[in-house]
Protein backbone atom coordinates (compact mmCIF):
# COMPACT_ATOMS: atom_id res chain seq x y z
CA MET A 1 -0.28 -0.04 0.08
CA HIS A 2 1.18 4.05 -0.58
CA VAL A 3 0.01 6.44 0.62
CA ASP A 4 0.73 9.75 -1.11
CA ILE A 5 2.18 12.53 1.60
CA TRP A 6 1.24 14.95 -0.87
CA ALA A 7 -2.64 15.11 -1.17
CA ILE A 8 -2.85 13.68 2.47
CA ALA A 9 -1.23 17.28 2.74
CA ALA A 10 -3.38 19.06 0.61
CA TYR A 11 -6.41 17.79 1.54
CA ALA A 12 -5.38 18.42 5.48
CA PHE A 13 -4.14 22.25 4.31
CA GLY A 14 -7.93 22.40 2.41
CA LEU A 15 -8.66 21.12 5.69
CA LEU A 16 -7.27 25.04 7.03
CA MET A 17 -8.05 26.66 4.48
CA LEU A 18 -12.35 25.82 4.34
CA TYR A 19 -12.32 26.41 8.29
CA ALA A 20 -10.39 29.45 8.08
CA VAL A 21 -13.50 30.83 5.63
CA ALA A 22 -15.23 29.79 7.78
CA LYS A 23 -14.27 31.75 10.78
CA ILE A 24 -14.38 34.82 8.36
CA LEU A 25 -17.37 34.30 6.88
CA VAL A 26 -18.75 33.98 10.31
CA ALA A 27 -17.80 37.05 12.54
CA PRO A 28 -19.57 39.30 10.79
CA LEU A 29 -23.23 36.78 11.18
CA ARG A 30 -22.16 36.74 15.01
CA LEU A 31 -21.34 40.70 14.70
CA ILE A 32 -24.89 41.11 13.28
CA LEU A 33 -26.70 39.00 15.05
CA LYS A 34 -24.82 40.82 18.67
CA LEU A 35 -26.73 44.01 17.01
CA ILE A 36 -30.41 42.60 16.35
CA TYR A 37 -29.79 41.52 20.31
CA ASN A 38 -28.79 44.59 21.82
CA GLY A 39 -31.82 46.47 20.20
CA ILE A 40 -34.25 44.66 21.89
CA ILE A 41 -32.27 44.79 24.69
CA GLY A 42 -32.33 48.58 24.10
CA GLY A 43 -36.45 48.49 23.32
CA ILE A 44 -37.37 47.07 26.32
CA LEU A 45 -35.13 48.91 28.76
CA LEU A 46 -36.96 52.25 26.82
CA LEU A 47 -40.40 50.83 26.56
CA GLY A 48 -40.00 50.11 30.95
CA LEU A 49 -38.85 53.93 31.34
CA ASN A 50 -41.70 54.72 29.15
CA ALA A 51 -43.99 53.22 31.20
CA ILE A 52 -42.58 53.85 34.22
CA GLY A 53 -41.55 57.57 33.63
CA SER A 54 -45.25 58.30 32.33
CA PHE A 55 -45.69 59.06 35.74
CA PHE A 56 -43.26 61.97 35.78
CA GLY A 57 -43.64 63.35 32.13
CA LEU A 58 -40.60 61.68 30.83
CA HIS A 59 -40.77 59.94 27.43
CA ILE A 60 -37.97 58.82 25.28
CA ALA A 61 -38.92 57.79 21.92
CA ILE A 62 -37.95 53.75 20.06
CA ASN A 63 -36.29 54.54 17.67
CA PRO A 64 -33.35 52.19 15.83
CA LEU A 65 -30.32 54.22 17.35
CA ASN A 66 -32.10 55.07 20.27
CA ALA A 67 -32.62 50.80 20.92
CA LEU A 68 -29.17 50.37 20.00
CA ILE A 69 -27.64 52.84 22.12
CA ALA A 70 -29.75 51.67 25.67
CA GLY A 71 -28.82 48.49 23.80
CA PHE A 72 -25.38 48.44 23.89
CA LEU A 73 -24.08 51.39 26.52
CA GLY A 74 -27.42 49.97 29.25
CA VAL A 75 -28.29 52.14 31.89
CA PRO A 76 -25.87 54.62 31.23
CA GLY A 77 -27.17 54.43 28.28
CA ILE A 78 -30.82 54.96 28.46
CA LEU A 79 -29.15 58.11 31.04
CA LEU A 80 -27.71 59.88 28.13
CA LEU A 81 -30.22 60.29 26.01
CA ILE A 82 -32.23 61.42 29.07
CA PHE A 83 -28.81 63.73 28.88
CA VAL A 84 -29.39 65.04 25.44
CA LYS A 85 -33.85 64.57 25.35
CA TYR A 86 -33.55 67.42 28.27
CA PHE A 87 -30.15 69.17 28.14
CA LEU A 88 -29.09 69.47 24.49
């Protein structure tokens, strides 16, 4: 039985290249999914703020930009949105 070392090396190289290409293609998808997740969490936080803030006359519009700011930064993001709304 004859084993061709170059064929084995070619298969190994092909598998490594396939892994590298898959890694490159998955990274942007993971970032997009994280942005969507953070946007949803931010929207939920803004809904809660608007529900509680209605007693105090506080309302922040829920749009994609505000939801992403609140999602990325959490509570400091909501404080930032309140600051921007009332002081700028």
